Amino acid sequence: MKRRLVMSMLAGATLLASTLLGTGAAPAAGALAADDPAVDPRVAGALAADAPPAGAPAADVPAEFGTDWHDPVTAAPPVGRPSGRSCEVTVARAQFRDFTPYRGTYTPPAGCGDRWSKVVLRLDGAVKGRQYDRLGYLHIGGVEIFRTSTPQPSPDGITWSVEKDVTRYSDTFRGRGDVEMLIGNVVDDTYTGVLDVKVTLTFFAGRPAAAIPDRVLTLTGDSTLTTPRNSERVLVEVYATGSGGGCEEYWYLTVPAPAPYSCTADRGPYREVRIRVDGRVAGIAAPFPTVWTGGWSNPFLWYVVPGPRAFDVAPVTFDLTPFAGILNDGRPHRVEVSVAGVPEGQTGWSTPVNVLVWRDEHRARVTGKLTVHQEGAPTGSSAHTPGPEHRVDTEGAHRLTVAGYVDTSHGRVGTTVRRSLSHTSTHRWTDGETTDGLEALWRDDESVTTGDRTTRTRRAYTMDGTTTLGAGDRLRTVLTLGDRATTTELLGGHRVAWSRLDDTYTGDATYTANVPRDQRHAVGTSSERYRLYGSHGCHDREVTTEQGVLTRDRVRC
């Protein structure tokens, strides 16, 4: 594919990196009251109502994409909602036209107590006209509770919704806090899509089904952290996203210089999220290779079915409990997050951090010690083979084991965290990048043992796609993406719970490039099958679209 075309299709995301790095901290503009007549009338119902069902598959499929298509759908399971009393709070309602954040104040719900069995975030949005994909965030009390990207609209307009279980942030929701939300956008004579959104939190009264953090903390401005002195479990989540319209938006396609390709990085496409405590590596993780809704130069792949995680960006999580004995000394400790593999001086990654802490309510001070720190040297290479078809083969791996203990009111508790990362990929392209293909696999295996309980998680992310620019500037992309994970919980060596996730997206779309929208003559199919099985139940749904029409919506369990 011609990289200038890729840059054109994704240029809107150039604005996203600066959004997430704090650009545009001016006073709020564009915020709407609930009855503001400026709200898009198509949105009024969608913002006030529950998410509409996917609807029955349509029988008539047009010969090519028109000026309207089905609203975005995903095959992911809905967030379960407990029965009983609930309270809803509107957190933000805004129209995003530029890089001015929405600012407001969150107030806890009245009538549902201060302990909740579940808290569900819901975003409802609408946009019409022409617009790029945009990346956004929502903070309450400085805590990032949601990160998302947007669909690209039809000329006639679309609505969409996203739900997320945010119960783990209950500590944040118990007090008043400042709200900041931003989906950086540009609206002008060409890009006309105004992003009309409403975000609510629904609180369900009762005790949560599982233990949730007692405290939710963020890092200070100088990247330091001071935990409560009675912390007995510490998790860190990092909303790591590569974005910005430059090469780090599609970091998985970068190649080592001096290979003749428009996106180069010193060590090729290997990326790794690392967290350090006082300069020592405390955790490693593979970033998820998110493809936004303008990705691979072909928005027709994503108009109805987004890629995995595109609308609900999941954080990478590090278990820092082995370091609790160090963190509990009452002094600030430096906690730094970096993305290995990014060329020096290159921007494009955002890594906001939340720290989730469980405390020993029967002790004012929990002491402990880090007992094991074994870091294998990172290995890997990215080698270019020149020819009529250029080829870059990349591999990389890294291992880390940390262990420690804390002396709690219920005895000494040891925690061991083992994590192993690996990446392999083959990238092929022709001169001029008129053919550009990638086959890649990322593995992230983790084992956490605390006392006699072990949780093993094996994650695998896959990408297999090719874009070809052929005769008549017909651009075709064929792509398969996979998000897979197997989790097993053991107690005393016996399995007590398990789950298996397989979220697979496939797409094939063709259009005429470098012409006005109404001359693209685009055709395309896309589908997603999301399967989640385990000891807690089953979800298996498949959705398929053709030329923007939903042709299949099947639930198997």
Protein backbone atom coordinates (compact mmCIF):
# COMPACT_ATOMS: atom_id res chain seq x y z
CA MET A 1 0.00 0.00 0.00
CA LYS A 2 1.24 3.49 -0.64
CA ARG A 3 2.15 4.92 2.73
CA ARG A 4 0.90 8.35 1.81
CA LEU A 5 -2.51 6.73 1.49
CA VAL A 6 -2.18 5.13 4.90
CA MET A 7 -1.20 8.45 6.41
CA SER A 8 -4.18 10.11 4.74
CA MET A 9 -6.65 7.54 6.01
CA LEU A 10 -5.26 7.68 9.55
CA ALA A 11 -4.16 11.28 9.79
CA GLY A 12 -6.96 12.06 12.20
CA ALA A 13 -5.21 9.94 14.78
CA THR A 14 -2.20 12.26 14.64
CA LEU A 15 -4.38 14.45 16.77
CA LEU A 16 -5.05 11.63 19.17
CA ALA A 17 -1.54 11.36 20.56
CA SER A 18 -1.44 15.00 21.51
CA THR A 19 -4.90 14.60 23.02
CA LEU A 20 -3.74 11.83 25.31
CA LEU A 21 -0.50 13.60 26.15
CA GLY A 22 -2.42 16.56 27.48
CA THR A 23 -2.78 18.99 24.58
CA GLY A 24 -5.70 21.37 24.73
CA ALA A 25 -6.27 21.96 28.43
CA ALA A 26 -8.41 25.01 27.82
CA PRO A 27 -11.72 25.62 29.66
CA ALA A 28 -14.55 23.36 28.60
CA ALA A 29 -16.46 24.08 25.44
CA GLY A 30 -19.15 22.15 23.69
CA ALA A 31 -20.67 20.69 26.87
CA LEU A 32 -24.41 20.20 26.53
CA ALA A 33 -27.21 20.28 29.04
CA ALA A 34 -29.64 17.38 28.87
CA ASP A 35 -32.27 19.51 27.15
CA ASP A 36 -29.90 21.52 24.95
CA PRO A 37 -31.54 21.94 21.51
CA ALA A 38 -28.09 21.71 19.89
CA VAL A 39 -28.00 17.98 20.56
CA ASP A 40 -28.33 16.03 17.32
CA PRO A 41 -32.03 14.99 17.26
CA ARG A 42 -31.03 11.50 16.10
CA VAL A 43 -29.05 11.15 19.31
CA ALA A 44 -31.76 12.23 21.70
CA GLY A 45 -33.41 8.83 21.72
CA ALA A 46 -30.20 6.84 21.54
CA LEU A 47 -28.67 8.72 24.45
CA ALA A 48 -31.72 8.24 26.62
CA ALA A 49 -32.49 4.61 25.80
CA ASP A 50 -30.81 1.28 26.26
CA ALA A 51 -28.59 -0.02 23.48
CA PRO A 52 -30.73 -1.16 20.56
CA PRO A 53 -30.49 -4.84 19.68
CA ALA A 54 -28.43 -5.79 16.66
CA GLY A 55 -31.64 -6.48 14.78
CA ALA A 56 -32.57 -9.23 12.42
CA PRO A 57 -30.20 -9.77 9.51
CA ALA A 58 -31.32 -7.95 6.39
CA ALA A 59 -32.26 -9.89 3.28
CA ASP A 60 -31.30 -7.30 0.66
CA VAL A 61 -27.63 -6.56 0.13
CA PRO A 62 -26.68 -3.68 -2.19
CA ALA A 63 -24.11 -4.14 -4.93
CA GLU A 64 -21.77 -1.71 -3.16
CA PHE A 65 -21.59 0.56 -0.12
CA GLY A 66 -24.06 3.44 -0.22
CA THR A 67 -24.44 6.57 1.91
CA ASP A 68 -25.66 4.68 4.95
CA TRP A 69 -24.95 1.39 6.68
CA HIS A 70 -25.80 -0.54 9.80
CA ASP A 71 -24.85 0.99 13.12
CA PRO A 72 -21.64 -0.52 14.58
CA VAL A 73 -22.05 -3.88 16.30
CA THR A 74 -19.70 -6.25 18.06
CA ALA A 75 -20.05 -9.90 18.99
CA ALA A 76 -18.70 -9.35 22.52
CA PRO A 77 -21.00 -10.25 25.41
CA PRO A 78 -23.03 -7.50 27.07
CA VAL A 79 -22.14 -6.50 30.60
CA GLY A 80 -24.31 -8.45 33.01
CA ARG A 81 -26.58 -6.38 35.24
CA PRO A 82 -27.69 -7.58 38.68
CA SER A 83 -31.31 -7.43 39.72
CA GLY A 84 -32.47 -5.08 42.42
CA ARG A 85 -32.18 -1.38 43.11
CA SER A 86 -30.02 0.73 40.81
CA CYS A 87 -29.10 4.39 40.43
CA GLU A 88 -27.85 6.18 37.32
CA VAL A 89 -25.52 9.16 37.20
CA THR A 90 -24.74 11.12 34.04
CA VAL A 91 -20.99 11.69 34.03
CA ALA A 92 -20.54 13.60 30.78
CA ARG A 93 -22.62 14.90 27.91
CA ALA A 94 -20.78 16.75 25.19
CA GLN A 95 -20.24 17.44 21.53
CA PHE A 96 -16.59 17.07 20.57
CA ARG A 97 -15.56 19.36 17.71
CA ASP A 98 -11.94 20.08 18.62
CA PHE A 99 -9.39 19.41 21.34
CA THR A 100 -11.23 21.12 24.16
CA PRO A 101 -11.96 18.63 26.93
CA TYR A 102 -15.29 18.35 28.62
CA ARG A 103 -14.95 19.23 32.29
CA GLY A 104 -17.51 18.64 35.00
CA THR A 105 -18.00 17.34 38.52
CA TYR A 106 -18.98 13.83 39.49
CA THR A 107 -21.27 13.36 42.49
CA PRO A 108 -21.92 9.89 44.00
CA PRO A 109 -25.41 8.48 43.48
CA ALA A 110 -28.10 9.00 46.07
CA GLY A 111 -30.24 6.06 47.08
CA CYS A 112 -27.88 3.15 46.38
CA GLY A 113 -25.54 3.38 49.34
CA ASP A 114 -21.75 3.48 49.01
CA ARG A 115 -21.16 -0.21 48.33
CA TRP A 116 -22.26 -1.65 45.01
CA SER A 117 -22.53 -5.14 43.57
CA LYS A 118 -21.63 -3.74 40.16
CA VAL A 119 -20.98 -0.42 38.45
CA VAL A 120 -21.56 -0.25 34.69
CA LEU A 121 -20.27 2.53 32.43
CA ARG A 122 -22.17 3.19 29.23
CA LEU A 123 -21.24 5.49 26.36
CA ASP A 124 -23.86 6.40 23.75
CA GLY A 125 -22.68 8.29 20.71
CA ALA A 126 -23.73 9.56 17.31
CA VAL A 127 -21.93 11.12 14.38
CA LYS A 128 -22.73 11.81 10.73
CA GLY A 129 -20.97 13.21 7.70
CA ARG A 130 -17.27 12.59 7.23
CA GLN A 131 -14.82 12.00 10.03
CA TYR A 132 -11.70 10.04 10.94
CA ASP A 133 -11.39 7.58 13.79
CA ARG A 134 -10.67 9.37 17.06
CA LEU A 135 -9.23 8.20 20.36
CA GLY A 136 -10.62 9.34 23.68
CA TYR A 137 -10.44 8.97 27.44
CA LEU A 138 -12.54 9.59 30.55
CA HIS A 139 -11.06 10.53 33.93
CA ILE A 140 -12.85 10.82 37.27
CA GLY A 141 -10.81 12.20 40.13
CA GLY A 142 -7.70 11.81 37.98
CA VAL A 143 -8.32 8.07 37.48
CA GLU A 144 -8.67 6.85 33.91
CA ILE A 145 -11.74 4.63 33.94
CA PHE A 146 -12.31 4.35 30.18
CA ARG A 147 -10.39 4.60 26.96
CA THR A 148 -12.08 4.25 23.61
CA SER A 149 -11.94 4.98 19.90
CA THR A 150 -14.74 5.97 17.58
CA PRO A 151 -16.34 4.49 14.47
CA GLN A 152 -16.22 6.33 11.17
CA PRO A 153 -19.63 7.66 10.16
CA SER A 154 -21.77 7.34 7.09
CA PRO A 155 -22.98 10.51 5.38
CA ASP A 156 -26.46 9.78 6.75
CA GLY A 157 -25.18 9.14 10.27
CA ILE A 158 -24.70 6.34 12.78
CA THR A 159 -25.20 5.74 16.48
CA TRP A 160 -23.22 3.36 18.67
CA SER A 161 -22.82 2.35 22.29
CA VAL A 162 -20.16 0.80 24.52
CA GLU A 163 -20.52 -0.74 27.96
CA LYS A 164 -17.83 -1.56 30.50
CA ASP A 165 -17.75 -3.09 33.97
CA VAL A 166 -15.99 -0.48 36.13
CA THR A 167 -16.76 -1.94 39.56
CA ARG A 168 -13.05 -2.07 40.41
CA TYR A 169 -12.99 1.74 40.54
CA SER A 170 -15.63 1.88 43.32
CA ASP A 171 -13.20 3.66 45.66
CA THR A 172 -13.04 6.52 43.17
CA PHE A 173 -16.83 6.67 42.86
CA ARG A 174 -17.49 7.08 46.60
CA GLY A 175 -16.51 10.73 46.66
CA ARG A 176 -16.97 13.81 44.53
CA GLY A 177 -14.38 14.29 41.84
CA ASP A 178 -13.45 16.29 38.79
CA VAL A 179 -14.49 14.81 35.43
CA GLU A 180 -12.40 15.23 32.32
CA MET A 181 -13.30 13.64 29.01
CA LEU A 182 -11.79 14.24 25.62
CA ILE A 183 -12.24 12.73 22.18
CA GLY A 184 -9.95 14.98 20.17
CA ASN A 185 -11.62 15.96 16.91
CA VAL A 186 -11.36 18.31 13.94
CA VAL A 187 -14.43 19.77 12.27
CA ASP A 188 -14.08 21.90 9.16
CA ASP A 189 -15.43 22.11 5.62
CA THR A 190 -14.07 18.64 4.82
CA TYR A 191 -14.37 16.73 8.09
CA THR A 192 -17.90 17.48 9.22
CA GLY A 193 -18.57 14.81 11.85
CA VAL A 194 -19.31 16.20 15.31
CA LEU A 195 -19.03 13.51 18.00
CA ASP A 196 -22.15 13.64 20.14
CA VAL A 197 -21.74 11.54 23.29
CA LYS A 198 -23.29 10.82 26.64
CA VAL A 199 -21.63 8.73 29.39
CA THR A 200 -23.49 7.33 32.37
CA LEU A 201 -22.65 5.16 35.37
CA THR A 202 -25.27 2.76 36.72
CA PHE A 203 -24.80 1.60 40.31
CA PHE A 204 -26.38 -1.60 41.59
CA ALA A 205 -26.85 -1.70 45.37
CA GLY A 206 -25.30 -4.62 47.25
CA ARG A 207 -21.97 -6.25 47.93
CA PRO A 208 -19.70 -7.02 44.94
CA ALA A 209 -19.38 -10.66 43.95
CA ALA A 210 -15.57 -10.51 44.18
CA ALA A 211 -13.12 -8.56 46.29
CA ILE A 212 -12.48 -5.13 44.80
CA PRO A 213 -9.61 -2.73 45.59
CA ASP A 214 -9.81 -0.68 48.75
CA ARG A 215 -7.96 2.20 47.12
CA VAL A 216 -7.44 3.41 43.56
CA LEU A 217 -4.37 5.64 43.21
CA THR A 218 -2.58 7.46 40.42
CA LEU A 219 1.04 8.50 40.08
CA THR A 220 2.13 11.99 41.02
CA GLY A 221 3.41 14.43 38.42
CA ASP A 222 6.97 13.26 39.02
CA SER A 223 5.97 9.58 38.54
CA THR A 224 6.13 8.66 42.20
CA LEU A 225 3.80 6.49 44.23
CA THR A 226 3.17 6.31 47.97
CA THR A 227 0.97 3.36 48.93
CA PRO A 228 -0.92 2.92 52.22
CA ARG A 229 1.43 1.29 54.73
CA ASN A 230 -0.91 -1.66 55.21
CA SER A 231 -1.12 -2.65 51.54
CA GLU A 232 -1.07 -6.42 51.04
CA ARG A 233 -1.87 -6.58 47.31
CA VAL A 234 -0.88 -4.09 44.62
CA LEU A 235 -1.91 -4.20 40.95
CA VAL A 236 -1.02 -1.62 38.32
CA GLU A 237 -2.97 -1.14 35.11
CA VAL A 238 -1.60 0.79 32.15
CA TYR A 239 -3.78 2.00 29.29
CA ALA A 240 -0.97 1.64 26.75
CA THR A 241 -1.98 2.73 23.25
CA GLY A 242 0.13 3.39 20.20
CA SER A 243 -1.47 6.21 18.28
CA GLY A 244 -0.80 9.57 16.79
CA GLY A 245 -1.01 9.13 13.04
CA GLY A 246 2.72 8.52 12.78
CA CYS A 247 4.34 5.13 12.53
CA GLU A 248 3.65 4.12 16.13
CA GLU A 249 -0.05 3.95 15.28
CA TYR A 250 0.75 0.80 13.30
CA TRP A 251 3.97 -0.13 15.08
CA TYR A 252 3.55 -3.78 14.08
CA LEU A 253 4.36 -2.80 10.47
CA THR A 254 7.59 -0.91 11.15
CA VAL A 255 10.86 -2.28 9.75
CA PRO A 256 14.52 -1.67 10.66
CA ALA A 257 16.41 0.97 8.70
CA PRO A 258 17.72 1.06 6.02
CA ALA A 259 15.02 -1.24 4.57
CA PRO A 260 13.10 0.69 1.87
CA TYR A 261 9.83 1.17 3.70
CA SER A 262 8.01 4.30 4.79
CA CYS A 263 7.93 3.41 8.50
CA THR A 264 11.21 2.44 10.13
CA ALA A 265 12.24 1.76 13.71
CA ASP A 266 15.73 0.94 14.91
CA ARG A 267 14.83 -2.57 16.04
CA GLY A 268 11.79 -3.22 13.90
CA PRO A 269 8.28 -3.92 15.23
CA TYR A 270 9.02 -5.50 18.61
CA ARG A 271 7.27 -3.54 21.38
CA GLU A 272 7.00 -4.31 25.06
CA VAL A 273 5.40 -2.42 27.94
CA ARG A 274 7.68 -2.31 30.98
CA ILE A 275 7.16 -0.97 34.46
CA ARG A 276 10.01 -0.13 36.84
CA VAL A 277 10.01 0.45 40.58
CA ASP A 278 12.93 2.60 41.70
CA GLY A 279 14.74 1.77 38.46
CA ARG A 280 14.28 -2.00 38.66
CA VAL A 281 12.10 -3.82 36.10
CA ALA A 282 9.01 -4.94 38.02
CA GLY A 283 6.76 -6.11 35.18
CA ILE A 284 6.67 -6.78 31.45
CA ALA A 285 3.73 -7.18 29.05
CA ALA A 286 2.94 -7.44 25.36
CA PRO A 287 0.81 -4.54 24.09
CA PHE A 288 -2.32 -5.54 22.22
CA PRO A 289 -2.01 -4.75 18.47
CA THR A 290 -5.19 -2.69 18.27
CA VAL A 291 -6.36 -1.78 14.78
CA TRP A 292 -8.43 1.40 14.83
CA THR A 293 -11.38 1.93 12.50
CA GLY A 294 -9.28 3.56 9.80
CA GLY A 295 -6.60 0.89 9.94
CA TRP A 296 -4.88 -0.87 7.06
CA SER A 297 -5.86 1.99 4.71
CA ASN A 298 -9.36 0.57 4.44
CA PRO A 299 -12.21 1.98 6.57
CA PHE A 300 -14.71 -0.24 4.74
CA LEU A 301 -13.41 -3.12 6.82
CA TRP A 302 -14.59 -1.47 10.04
CA TYR A 303 -17.69 0.59 9.30
CA VAL A 304 -19.99 -1.91 11.00
CA VAL A 305 -17.76 -4.41 12.84
CA PRO A 306 -14.76 -2.88 14.65
CA GLY A 307 -11.59 -4.82 15.38
CA PRO A 308 -11.15 -6.45 18.79
CA ARG A 309 -10.88 -3.96 21.66
CA ALA A 310 -11.18 -0.92 19.40
CA PHE A 311 -14.16 0.55 21.30
CA ASP A 312 -13.13 -0.64 24.78
CA VAL A 313 -9.36 -0.43 25.14
CA ALA A 314 -8.27 -2.84 27.87
CA PRO A 315 -5.28 -1.94 30.05
CA VAL A 316 -2.28 -4.19 30.51
CA THR A 317 -2.00 -5.27 34.14
CA PHE A 318 1.04 -5.86 36.33
CA ASP A 319 0.95 -7.58 39.71
CA LEU A 320 3.38 -5.65 41.91
CA THR A 321 2.49 -7.48 45.13
CA PRO A 322 6.06 -8.88 45.43
CA PHE A 323 7.15 -5.22 45.80
CA ALA A 324 4.57 -4.41 48.50
CA GLY A 325 7.14 -4.73 51.29
CA ILE A 326 9.23 -2.05 49.57
CA LEU A 327 6.30 0.22 48.66
CA ASN A 328 4.85 0.13 52.19
CA ASP A 329 7.69 2.03 53.87
CA GLY A 330 5.76 5.30 53.80
CA ARG A 331 8.11 7.00 51.34
CA PRO A 332 7.41 7.89 47.69
CA HIS A 333 8.83 5.45 45.17
CA ARG A 334 9.52 6.13 41.55
CA VAL A 335 7.26 4.12 39.22
CA GLU A 336 8.00 4.47 35.52
CA VAL A 337 6.32 2.96 32.47
CA SER A 338 8.06 2.73 29.11
CA VAL A 339 7.50 1.04 25.78
CA ALA A 340 10.59 -0.82 24.63
CA GLY A 341 11.34 -0.73 20.92
CA VAL A 342 10.11 2.80 20.25
CA PRO A 343 12.88 4.77 18.48
CA GLU A 344 14.54 7.34 20.71
CA GLY A 345 12.70 10.63 20.59
CA GLN A 346 9.69 9.10 18.82
CA THR A 347 6.28 10.02 20.21
CA GLY A 348 3.02 8.19 19.72
CA TRP A 349 2.47 6.13 22.89
CA SER A 350 0.33 7.05 25.84
CA THR A 351 0.66 5.12 29.12
CA PRO A 352 -1.58 6.45 31.92
CA VAL A 353 -1.36 4.43 35.14
CA ASN A 354 -3.86 3.39 37.80
CA VAL A 355 -2.73 1.62 40.99
CA LEU A 356 -5.21 -0.74 42.66
CA VAL A 357 -4.51 -1.51 46.32
CA TRP A 358 -5.99 -4.02 48.75
CA ARG A 359 -5.28 -3.24 52.43
CA ASP A 360 -5.07 -5.34 55.57
CA GLU A 361 -7.86 -3.78 57.62
CA HIS A 362 -6.54 -5.37 60.83
CA ARG A 363 -3.04 -3.89 60.65
CA ALA A 364 -1.79 -0.34 60.35
CA ARG A 365 1.51 -1.52 58.88
CA VAL A 366 2.27 -4.49 56.67
CA THR A 367 5.94 -5.30 56.23
CA GLY A 368 7.58 -7.60 53.74
CA LYS A 369 10.46 -8.22 51.42
CA LEU A 370 11.30 -8.77 47.76
CA THR A 371 13.01 -12.17 47.71
CA VAL A 372 13.48 -13.01 44.03
CA HIS A 373 14.22 -10.85 41.00
CA GLN A 374 15.29 -12.78 37.90
CA GLU A 375 15.19 -10.97 34.59
CA GLY A 376 16.31 -12.73 31.46
CA ALA A 377 18.11 -10.59 28.91
CA PRO A 378 15.70 -9.53 26.15
CA THR A 379 16.46 -11.42 22.94
CA GLY A 380 15.46 -10.92 19.35
CA SER A 381 16.27 -9.69 15.89
CA SER A 382 14.64 -8.04 12.91
CA ALA A 383 16.33 -8.95 9.64
CA HIS A 384 15.65 -7.52 6.18
CA THR A 385 15.92 -9.67 3.07
CA PRO A 386 15.90 -7.50 -0.09
CA GLY A 387 14.42 -8.53 -3.41
CA PRO A 388 11.46 -7.91 -5.73
CA GLU A 389 9.47 -8.76 -2.63
CA HIS A 390 11.14 -7.34 0.46
CA ARG A 391 10.90 -9.34 3.63
CA VAL A 392 11.54 -8.61 7.30
CA ASP A 393 11.55 -11.46 9.79
CA THR A 394 11.27 -10.44 13.42
CA GLU A 395 11.46 -12.36 16.64
CA GLY A 396 11.76 -11.26 20.23
CA ALA A 397 11.39 -12.64 23.74
CA HIS A 398 11.75 -11.62 27.37
CA ARG A 399 11.25 -13.34 30.75
CA LEU A 400 10.84 -12.03 34.26
CA THR A 401 10.28 -13.71 37.63
CA VAL A 402 9.73 -11.73 40.82
CA ALA A 403 8.74 -13.01 44.27
CA GLY A 404 8.20 -11.52 47.67
CA TYR A 405 6.18 -11.79 50.86
CA VAL A 406 4.13 -9.66 53.20
CA ASP A 407 3.49 -10.30 56.90
CA THR A 408 -0.23 -9.74 57.34
CA SER A 409 -2.72 -10.15 60.16
CA HIS A 410 -3.53 -13.57 58.70
CA GLY A 411 0.09 -14.71 58.44
CA ARG A 412 2.96 -14.49 56.00
CA VAL A 413 1.77 -14.53 52.40
CA GLY A 414 4.17 -15.06 49.53
CA THR A 415 3.54 -14.06 45.91
CA THR A 416 5.48 -15.19 42.85
CA VAL A 417 4.89 -13.66 39.42
CA ARG A 418 6.33 -15.26 36.30
CA ARG A 419 5.87 -13.67 32.88
CA SER A 420 7.16 -14.72 29.48
CA LEU A 421 6.75 -12.74 26.26
CA SER A 422 7.45 -13.70 22.67
CA HIS A 423 6.81 -12.23 19.25
CA THR A 424 7.33 -13.52 15.71
CA SER A 425 6.34 -11.83 12.47
CA THR A 426 6.99 -11.88 8.75
CA HIS A 427 6.43 -8.66 6.81
CA ARG A 428 6.47 -8.73 3.01
CA TRP A 429 6.09 -5.82 0.60
CA THR A 430 6.94 -4.79 -2.94
CA ASP A 431 8.65 -1.62 -4.17
CA GLY A 432 6.27 1.29 -3.85
CA GLU A 433 4.38 -0.70 -1.19
CA THR A 434 1.65 -1.56 -3.67
CA THR A 435 1.53 -4.94 -1.96
CA ASP A 436 2.04 -4.99 1.79
CA GLY A 437 1.41 -7.99 4.04
CA LEU A 438 2.04 -9.06 7.62
CA GLU A 439 1.71 -12.33 9.49
CA ALA A 440 2.37 -11.92 13.23
CA LEU A 441 1.94 -13.66 16.56
CA TRP A 442 2.37 -12.25 20.07
CA ARG A 443 2.37 -14.43 23.19
CA ASP A 444 2.12 -13.22 26.78
CA ASP A 445 2.12 -16.01 29.38
CA GLU A 446 1.71 -15.15 33.05
CA SER A 447 1.55 -17.16 36.27
CA VAL A 448 0.74 -15.59 39.65
CA THR A 449 0.96 -17.74 42.77
CA THR A 450 -0.21 -16.32 46.09
CA GLY A 451 -0.19 -18.78 48.95
CA ASP A 452 -1.69 -22.02 47.63
CA ARG A 453 -3.63 -20.33 44.81
CA THR A 454 -2.22 -20.01 41.28
CA THR A 455 -3.70 -18.19 38.30
CA ARG A 456 -2.22 -19.00 34.89
CA THR A 457 -3.07 -16.86 31.88
CA ARG A 458 -1.88 -17.57 28.35
CA ARG A 459 -2.58 -14.78 25.88
CA ALA A 460 -2.11 -14.95 22.10
CA TYR A 461 -2.69 -12.09 19.64
CA THR A 462 -2.60 -12.74 15.89
CA MET A 463 -2.63 -10.63 12.74
CA ASP A 464 -2.62 -11.95 9.17
CA GLY A 465 -3.37 -9.49 6.40
CA THR A 466 -2.40 -8.09 3.00
CA THR A 467 -3.27 -4.84 1.26
CA THR A 468 -2.84 -4.58 -2.52
CA LEU A 469 -3.15 -1.49 -4.71
CA GLY A 470 -3.94 -2.82 -8.18
CA ALA A 471 -5.11 -1.67 -11.59
CA GLY A 472 -7.33 1.38 -11.61
CA ASP A 473 -6.19 2.22 -8.07
CA ARG A 474 -8.41 -0.55 -6.68
CA LEU A 475 -7.24 -1.11 -3.12
CA ARG A 476 -8.08 -4.44 -1.51
CA THR A 477 -7.40 -5.53 2.07
CA VAL A 478 -7.86 -9.06 3.38
CA LEU A 479 -7.28 -9.33 7.12
CA THR A 480 -7.77 -11.68 10.07
CA LEU A 481 -7.24 -10.62 13.68
CA GLY A 482 -7.29 -12.79 16.79
CA ASP A 483 -7.52 -12.05 20.51
CA ARG A 484 -7.22 -15.27 22.51
CA ALA A 485 -6.62 -16.15 26.15
CA THR A 486 -6.85 -19.19 28.38
CA THR A 487 -7.03 -18.73 32.15
CA THR A 488 -6.81 -21.47 34.76
CA GLU A 489 -7.15 -21.06 38.52
CA LEU A 490 -5.65 -23.71 40.79
CA LEU A 491 -6.12 -24.16 44.51
CA GLY A 492 -3.73 -26.58 46.16
CA GLY A 493 -2.83 -27.89 42.71
CA HIS A 494 -6.46 -28.63 41.75
CA ARG A 495 -8.31 -26.69 39.06
CA VAL A 496 -11.19 -24.68 40.53
CA ALA A 497 -12.01 -22.35 37.64
CA TRP A 498 -11.13 -21.85 33.98
CA SER A 499 -12.04 -19.77 30.94
CA ARG A 500 -11.14 -19.69 27.26
CA LEU A 501 -11.54 -16.64 25.00
CA ASP A 502 -11.39 -16.64 21.20
CA ASP A 503 -12.34 -13.34 19.56
CA THR A 504 -11.69 -13.56 15.81
CA TYR A 505 -12.30 -10.82 13.22
CA THR A 506 -12.13 -11.39 9.44
CA GLY A 507 -12.55 -8.83 6.69
CA ASP A 508 -12.20 -8.41 2.93
CA ALA A 509 -12.88 -4.99 1.41
CA THR A 510 -12.07 -3.27 -1.90
CA TYR A 511 -12.54 0.30 -3.10
CA THR A 512 -11.11 2.78 -5.61
CA ALA A 513 -8.53 4.99 -3.93
CA ASN A 514 -7.72 8.64 -4.63
CA VAL A 515 -11.23 9.53 -5.83
CA PRO A 516 -14.19 11.30 -4.19
CA ARG A 517 -16.23 9.25 -1.78
CA ASP A 518 -19.15 8.71 -4.17
CA GLN A 519 -16.81 7.23 -6.79
CA ARG A 520 -15.14 4.60 -4.62
CA HIS A 521 -17.49 1.73 -5.60
CA ALA A 522 -16.62 -0.06 -2.39
CA VAL A 523 -17.54 -3.63 -1.57
CA GLY A 524 -16.65 -5.62 1.49
CA THR A 525 -17.52 -8.28 4.00
CA SER A 526 -16.58 -8.36 7.66
CA SER A 527 -17.37 -10.71 10.49
CA GLU A 528 -16.56 -11.32 14.13
CA ARG A 529 -17.05 -14.43 16.22
CA TYR A 530 -16.59 -14.00 19.95
CA ARG A 531 -16.42 -17.20 21.98
CA LEU A 532 -15.98 -17.25 25.75
CA TYR A 533 -16.32 -20.58 27.51
CA GLY A 534 -15.52 -21.64 31.04
CA SER A 535 -16.63 -22.63 34.46
CA HIS A 536 -18.78 -19.49 34.70
CA GLY A 537 -20.80 -20.06 31.54
CA CYS A 538 -20.73 -19.68 27.78
CA HIS A 539 -21.02 -16.92 25.18
CA ASP A 540 -20.76 -17.58 21.45
CA ARG A 541 -21.98 -14.94 19.01
CA GLU A 542 -21.16 -14.32 15.36
CA VAL A 543 -22.04 -11.23 13.33
CA THR A 544 -21.42 -10.82 9.59
CA THR A 545 -21.92 -7.85 7.28
CA GLU A 546 -21.80 -7.30 3.54
CA GLN A 547 -21.68 -3.84 1.96
CA GLY A 548 -22.60 -2.45 5.36
CA VAL A 549 -25.71 -4.62 5.77
CA LEU A 550 -25.96 -7.03 8.70
CA THR A 551 -26.47 -10.41 7.06
CA ARG A 552 -25.89 -12.74 10.01
CA ASP A 553 -26.33 -12.49 13.76
CA ARG A 554 -26.11 -15.90 15.38
CA VAL A 555 -25.93 -16.85 19.04
CA ARG A 556 -24.90 -20.42 19.75
CA CYS A 557 -25.13 -20.58 23.54
